[in-house]
Amino acid sequence: MCEASAYIIDGDTQELIMEAVDSVEPEDGGYKLVNIFGEQKFIKGTIHSLSLVEHKIFLKKAS
């Protein structure tokens, strides 16, 4: 499996917001995350970084 886990970065902390993310799509100043179960979340912000080897997506909320 090649799904990723998505995290929100807030200062020095990282909060898991979704597991098994299959799709990240830009939408209205943020990103729509969709996992392999069809669950969706919208995060208003930017992509901070990606760790492809560790299957992690780091997002930063818009201020």
PDB file of N, CA and C in Angstrom:
ATOM      1  N   MET A   1       0.834  -1.177   0.000  1.00  0.00           N
ATOM      2  CA  MET A   1       0.000   0.000   0.000  1.00  0.00           C
ATOM      3  C   MET A   1       0.885   1.249   0.000  1.00  0.00           C
ATOM      4  N   CYS A   2       0.415   2.268  -0.685  1.00  0.00           N
ATOM      5  CA  CYS A   2       1.197   3.498  -0.788  1.00  0.00           C
ATOM      6  C   CYS A   2       0.439   4.707  -0.269  1.00  0.00           C
ATOM      7  N   GLU A   3      -0.547   4.507   0.582  1.00  0.00           N
ATOM      8  CA  GLU A   3      -1.273   5.632   1.126  1.00  0.00           C
ATOM      9  C   GLU A   3      -0.398   6.365   2.136  1.00  0.00           C
ATOM     10  N   ALA A   4      -0.798   7.593   2.422  1.00  0.00           N
ATOM     11  CA  ALA A   4      -0.035   8.418   3.350  1.00  0.00           C
ATOM     12  C   ALA A   4      -0.911   8.838   4.527  1.00  0.00           C
ATOM     13  N   SER A   5      -0.267   9.327   5.556  1.00  0.00           N
ATOM     14  CA  SER A   5      -0.961   9.943   6.683  1.00  0.00           C
ATOM     15  C   SER A   5      -0.760  11.445   6.564  1.00  0.00           C
ATOM     16  N   ALA A   6      -1.818  12.218   6.849  1.00  0.00           N
ATOM     17  CA  ALA A   6      -1.748  13.675   6.751  1.00  0.00           C
ATOM     18  C   ALA A   6      -1.716  14.276   8.151  1.00  0.00           C
ATOM     19  N   TYR A   7      -0.862  15.269   8.316  1.00  0.00           N
ATOM     20  CA  TYR A   7      -0.672  15.936   9.594  1.00  0.00           C
ATOM     21  C   TYR A   7      -0.805  17.440   9.417  1.00  0.00           C
ATOM     22  N   ILE A   8      -1.315  18.111  10.457  1.00  0.00           N
ATOM     23  CA  ILE A   8      -1.320  19.571  10.521  1.00  0.00           C
ATOM     24  C   ILE A   8      -0.168  19.992  11.424  1.00  0.00           C
ATOM     25  N   ILE A   9       0.633  20.935  10.947  1.00  0.00           N
ATOM     26  CA  ILE A   9       1.732  21.469  11.751  1.00  0.00           C
ATOM     27  C   ILE A   9       1.246  22.734  12.445  1.00  0.00           C
ATOM     28  N   ASP A  10       1.421  22.775  13.760  1.00  0.00           N
ATOM     29  CA  ASP A  10       1.062  23.939  14.566  1.00  0.00           C
ATOM     30  C   ASP A  10       2.242  24.219  15.493  1.00  0.00           C
ATOM     31  N   GLY A  11       3.072  25.161  15.112  1.00  0.00           N
ATOM     32  CA  GLY A  11       4.285  25.442  15.879  1.00  0.00           C
ATOM     33  C   GLY A  11       5.230  24.255  15.809  1.00  0.00           C
ATOM     34  N   ASP A  12       5.511  23.664  16.962  1.00  0.00           N
ATOM     35  CA  ASP A  12       6.413  22.511  17.014  1.00  0.00           C
ATOM     36  C   ASP A  12       5.663  21.183  17.071  1.00  0.00           C
ATOM     37  N   THR A  13       4.342  21.227  16.987  1.00  0.00           N
ATOM     38  CA  THR A  13       3.562  19.997  17.107  1.00  0.00           C
ATOM     39  C   THR A  13       2.986  19.570  15.760  1.00  0.00           C
ATOM     40  N   GLN A  14       2.756  18.281  15.643  1.00  0.00           N
ATOM     41  CA  GLN A  14       2.135  17.692  14.455  1.00  0.00           C
ATOM     42  C   GLN A  14       0.921  16.892  14.905  1.00  0.00           C
ATOM     43  N   GLU A  15      -0.236  17.202  14.338  1.00  0.00           N
ATOM     44  CA  GLU A  15      -1.464  16.502  14.698  1.00  0.00           C
ATOM     45  C   GLU A  15      -1.941  15.680  13.510  1.00  0.00           C
ATOM     46  N   LEU A  16      -2.140  14.391  13.722  1.00  0.00           N
ATOM     47  CA  LEU A  16      -2.654  13.518  12.679  1.00  0.00           C
ATOM     48  C   LEU A  16      -4.088  13.900  12.379  1.00  0.00           C
ATOM     49  N   ILE A  17      -4.401  14.157  11.089  1.00  0.00           N
ATOM     50  CA  ILE A  17      -5.769  14.527  10.734  1.00  0.00           C
ATOM     51  C   ILE A  17      -6.454  13.479   9.855  1.00  0.00           C
ATOM     52  N   MET A  18      -5.667  12.648   9.161  1.00  0.00           N
ATOM     53  CA  MET A  18      -6.278  11.603   8.342  1.00  0.00           C
ATOM     54  C   MET A  18      -5.245  10.544   7.999  1.00  0.00           C
ATOM     55  N   GLU A  19      -5.677   9.293   8.078  1.00  0.00           N
ATOM     56  CA  GLU A  19      -4.829   8.174   7.678  1.00  0.00           C
ATOM     57  C   GLU A  19      -5.298   7.633   6.334  1.00  0.00           C
ATOM     58  N   ALA A  20      -4.449   6.866   5.694  1.00  0.00           N
ATOM     59  CA  ALA A  20      -4.754   6.193   4.424  1.00  0.00           C
ATOM     60  C   ALA A  20      -5.180   7.173   3.337  1.00  0.00           C
ATOM     61  N   VAL A  21      -4.513   8.349   3.287  1.00  0.00           N
ATOM     62  CA  VAL A  21      -4.824   9.357   2.273  1.00  0.00           C
ATOM     63  C   VAL A  21      -4.372   8.840   0.913  1.00  0.00           C
ATOM     64  N   ASP A  22      -5.299   8.888  -0.026  1.00  0.00           N
ATOM     65  CA  ASP A  22      -5.032   8.410  -1.373  1.00  0.00           C
ATOM     66  C   ASP A  22      -4.945   9.562  -2.373  1.00  0.00           C
ATOM     67  N   SER A  23      -5.623  10.680  -2.059  1.00  0.00           N
ATOM     68  CA  SER A  23      -5.697  11.786  -3.002  1.00  0.00           C
ATOM     69  C   SER A  23      -5.628  13.121  -2.267  1.00  0.00           C
ATOM     70  N   VAL A  24      -4.836  14.050  -2.818  1.00  0.00           N
ATOM     71  CA  VAL A  24      -4.752  15.422  -2.318  1.00  0.00           C
ATOM     72  C   VAL A  24      -5.003  16.327  -3.511  1.00  0.00           C
ATOM     73  N   GLU A  25      -6.082  17.123  -3.434  1.00  0.00           N
ATOM     74  CA  GLU A  25      -6.467  17.970  -4.561  1.00  0.00           C
ATOM     75  C   GLU A  25      -6.566  19.421  -4.119  1.00  0.00           C
ATOM     76  N   PRO A  26      -5.949  20.369  -4.881  1.00  0.00           N
ATOM     77  CA  PRO A  26      -6.089  21.782  -4.529  1.00  0.00           C
ATOM     78  C   PRO A  26      -7.531  22.224  -4.755  1.00  0.00           C
ATOM     79  N   GLU A  27      -8.039  23.047  -3.809  1.00  0.00           N
ATOM     80  CA  GLU A  27      -9.427  23.481  -3.907  1.00  0.00           C
ATOM     81  C   GLU A  27      -9.655  24.711  -3.029  1.00  0.00           C
ATOM     82  N   ASP A  28     -10.058  25.820  -3.628  1.00  0.00           N
ATOM     83  CA  ASP A  28     -10.475  27.029  -2.897  1.00  0.00           C
ATOM     84  C   ASP A  28      -9.522  27.458  -1.777  1.00  0.00           C
ATOM     85  N   GLY A  29      -8.259  27.627  -2.065  1.00  0.00           N
ATOM     86  CA  GLY A  29      -7.312  28.108  -1.061  1.00  0.00           C
ATOM     87  C   GLY A  29      -6.879  27.069  -0.050  1.00  0.00           C
ATOM     88  N   GLY A  30      -7.113  25.822  -0.369  1.00  0.00           N
ATOM     89  CA  GLY A  30      -6.726  24.740   0.526  1.00  0.00           C
ATOM     90  C   GLY A  30      -6.608  23.434  -0.239  1.00  0.00           C
ATOM     91  N   TYR A  31      -6.802  22.338   0.484  1.00  0.00           N
ATOM     92  CA  TYR A  31      -6.666  21.020  -0.128  1.00  0.00           C
ATOM     93  C   TYR A  31      -7.761  20.088   0.356  1.00  0.00           C
ATOM     94  N   LYS A  32      -8.307  19.322  -0.577  1.00  0.00           N
ATOM     95  CA  LYS A  32      -9.260  18.274  -0.238  1.00  0.00           C
ATOM     96  C   LYS A  32      -8.485  16.972  -0.135  1.00  0.00           C
ATOM     97  N   LEU A  33      -8.593  16.328   1.018  1.00  0.00           N
ATOM     98  CA  LEU A  33      -7.953  15.038   1.245  1.00  0.00           C
ATOM     99  C   LEU A  33      -9.011  13.953   1.142  1.00  0.00           C
ATOM    100  N   VAL A  34      -8.698  12.885   0.439  1.00  0.00           N
ATOM    101  CA  VAL A  34      -9.624  11.758   0.305  1.00  0.00           C
ATOM    102  C   VAL A  34      -8.848  10.494   0.639  1.00  0.00           C
ATOM    103  N   ASN A  35      -9.412   9.677   1.540  1.00  0.00           N
ATOM    104  CA  ASN A  35      -8.711   8.439   1.882  1.00  0.00           C
ATOM    105  C   ASN A  35      -9.289   7.253   1.116  1.00  0.00           C
ATOM    106  N   ILE A  36      -8.718   6.074   1.321  1.00  0.00           N
ATOM    107  CA  ILE A  36      -9.115   4.897   0.549  1.00  0.00           C
ATOM    108  C   ILE A  36     -10.528   4.423   0.878  1.00  0.00           C
ATOM    109  N   PHE A  37     -11.116   4.960   1.955  1.00  0.00           N
ATOM    110  CA  PHE A  37     -12.480   4.599   2.342  1.00  0.00           C
ATOM    111  C   PHE A  37     -13.504   5.598   1.823  1.00  0.00           C
ATOM    112  N   GLY A  38     -13.040   6.620   1.083  1.00  0.00           N
ATOM    113  CA  GLY A  38     -13.927   7.631   0.527  1.00  0.00           C
ATOM    114  C   GLY A  38     -14.200   8.795   1.463  1.00  0.00           C
ATOM    115  N   GLU A  39     -13.639   8.776   2.670  1.00  0.00           N
ATOM    116  CA  GLU A  39     -13.807   9.903   3.593  1.00  0.00           C
ATOM    117  C   GLU A  39     -13.055  11.107   3.050  1.00  0.00           C
ATOM    118  N   GLN A  40     -13.631  12.296   3.247  1.00  0.00           N
ATOM    119  CA  GLN A  40     -13.027  13.517   2.733  1.00  0.00           C
ATOM    120  C   GLN A  40     -12.889  14.552   3.839  1.00  0.00           C
ATOM    121  N   LYS A  41     -11.835  15.358   3.746  1.00  0.00           N
ATOM    122  CA  LYS A  41     -11.624  16.498   4.640  1.00  0.00           C
ATOM    123  C   LYS A  41     -11.070  17.633   3.798  1.00  0.00           C
ATOM    124  N   PHE A  42     -11.467  18.849   4.161  1.00  0.00           N
ATOM    125  CA  PHE A  42     -10.918  20.034   3.517  1.00  0.00           C
ATOM    126  C   PHE A  42     -10.068  20.785   4.534  1.00  0.00           C
ATOM    127  N   ILE A  43      -8.854  21.105   4.158  1.00  0.00           N
ATOM    128  CA  ILE A  43      -7.935  21.857   5.005  1.00  0.00           C
ATOM    129  C   ILE A  43      -7.572  23.149   4.287  1.00  0.00           C
ATOM    130  N   LYS A  44      -7.901  24.281   4.896  1.00  0.00           N
ATOM    131  CA  LYS A  44      -7.536  25.570   4.324  1.00  0.00           C
ATOM    132  C   LYS A  44      -6.116  25.878   4.758  1.00  0.00           C
ATOM    133  N   GLY A  45      -5.204  25.894   3.811  1.00  0.00           N
ATOM    134  CA  GLY A  45      -3.807  26.146   4.123  1.00  0.00           C
ATOM    135  C   GLY A  45      -2.904  25.744   2.978  1.00  0.00           C
ATOM    136  N   THR A  46      -1.662  25.418   3.330  1.00  0.00           N
ATOM    137  CA  THR A  46      -0.654  25.086   2.321  1.00  0.00           C
ATOM    138  C   THR A  46       0.035  23.771   2.665  1.00  0.00           C
ATOM    139  N   ILE A  47       0.626  23.176   1.650  1.00  0.00           N
ATOM    140  CA  ILE A  47       1.461  21.999   1.884  1.00  0.00           C
ATOM    141  C   ILE A  47       2.791  22.498   2.412  1.00  0.00           C
ATOM    142  N   HIS A  48       3.178  22.016   3.571  1.00  0.00           N
ATOM    143  CA  HIS A  48       4.455  22.398   4.178  1.00  0.00           C
ATOM    144  C   HIS A  48       5.572  21.520   3.625  1.00  0.00           C
ATOM    145  N   SER A  49       5.353  20.196   3.639  1.00  0.00           N
ATOM    146  CA  SER A  49       6.347  19.270   3.104  1.00  0.00           C
ATOM    147  C   SER A  49       5.729  17.892   2.910  1.00  0.00           C
ATOM    148  N   LEU A  50       6.444  17.063   2.166  1.00  0.00           N
ATOM    149  CA  LEU A  50       6.053  15.677   1.933  1.00  0.00           C
ATOM    150  C   LEU A  50       7.229  14.784   2.280  1.00  0.00           C
ATOM    151  N   SER A  51       6.949  13.680   2.939  1.00  0.00           N
ATOM    152  CA  SER A  51       7.967  12.669   3.187  1.00  0.00           C
ATOM    153  C   SER A  51       7.493  11.399   2.481  1.00  0.00           C
ATOM    154  N   LEU A  52       7.957  11.213   1.277  1.00  0.00           N
ATOM    155  CA  LEU A  52       7.462  10.113   0.452  1.00  0.00           C
ATOM    156  C   LEU A  52       7.898   8.751   0.973  1.00  0.00           C
ATOM    157  N   VAL A  53       9.092   8.654   1.506  1.00  0.00           N
ATOM    158  CA  VAL A  53       9.572   7.379   2.044  1.00  0.00           C
ATOM    159  C   VAL A  53       8.762   6.986   3.283  1.00  0.00           C
ATOM    160  N   GLU A  54       8.430   7.983   4.117  1.00  0.00           N
ATOM    161  CA  GLU A  54       7.671   7.712   5.342  1.00  0.00           C
ATOM    162  C   GLU A  54       6.159   7.797   5.132  1.00  0.00           C
ATOM    163  N   HIS A  55       5.723   8.127   3.903  1.00  0.00           N
ATOM    164  CA  HIS A  55       4.297   8.228   3.557  1.00  0.00           C
ATOM    165  C   HIS A  55       3.583   9.240   4.444  1.00  0.00           C
ATOM    166  N   LYS A  56       4.150  10.463   4.531  1.00  0.00           N
ATOM    167  CA  LYS A  56       3.566  11.510   5.362  1.00  0.00           C
ATOM    168  C   LYS A  56       3.399  12.791   4.546  1.00  0.00           C
ATOM    169  N   ILE A  57       2.265  13.466   4.790  1.00  0.00           N
ATOM    170  CA  ILE A  57       1.948  14.756   4.194  1.00  0.00           C
ATOM    171  C   ILE A  57       1.828  15.748   5.341  1.00  0.00           C
ATOM    172  N   PHE A  58       2.563  16.860   5.262  1.00  0.00           N
ATOM    173  CA  PHE A  58       2.522  17.866   6.309  1.00  0.00           C
ATOM    174  C   PHE A  58       1.887  19.131   5.746  1.00  0.00           C
ATOM    175  N   LEU A  59       0.796  19.556   6.366  1.00  0.00           N
ATOM    176  CA  LEU A  59       0.071  20.751   5.944  1.00  0.00           C
ATOM    177  C   LEU A  59       0.175  21.817   7.036  1.00  0.00           C
ATOM    178  N   LYS A  60       0.113  23.070   6.622  1.00  0.00           N
ATOM    179  CA  LYS A  60       0.133  24.178   7.559  1.00  0.00           C
ATOM    180  C   LYS A  60      -1.137  24.990   7.343  1.00  0.00           C
ATOM    181  N   LYS A  61      -1.925  25.178   8.408  1.00  0.00           N
ATOM    182  CA  LYS A  61      -3.180  25.918   8.295  1.00  0.00           C
ATOM    183  C   LYS A  61      -2.915  27.357   7.898  1.00  0.00           C
ATOM    184  N   ALA A  62      -3.858  27.918   7.132  1.00  0.00           N
ATOM    185  CA  ALA A  62      -3.753  29.329   6.754  1.00  0.00           C
ATOM    186  C   ALA A  62      -3.925  30.168   7.997  1.00  0.00           C
ATOM    187  N   SER A  63      -3.127  31.242   8.081  1.00  0.00           N
ATOM    188  CA  SER A  63      -3.230  32.105   9.284  1.00  0.00           C
ATOM    189  C   SER A  63      -4.172  33.245   9.073  1.00  0.00           C
TER     190      SER A  63
END
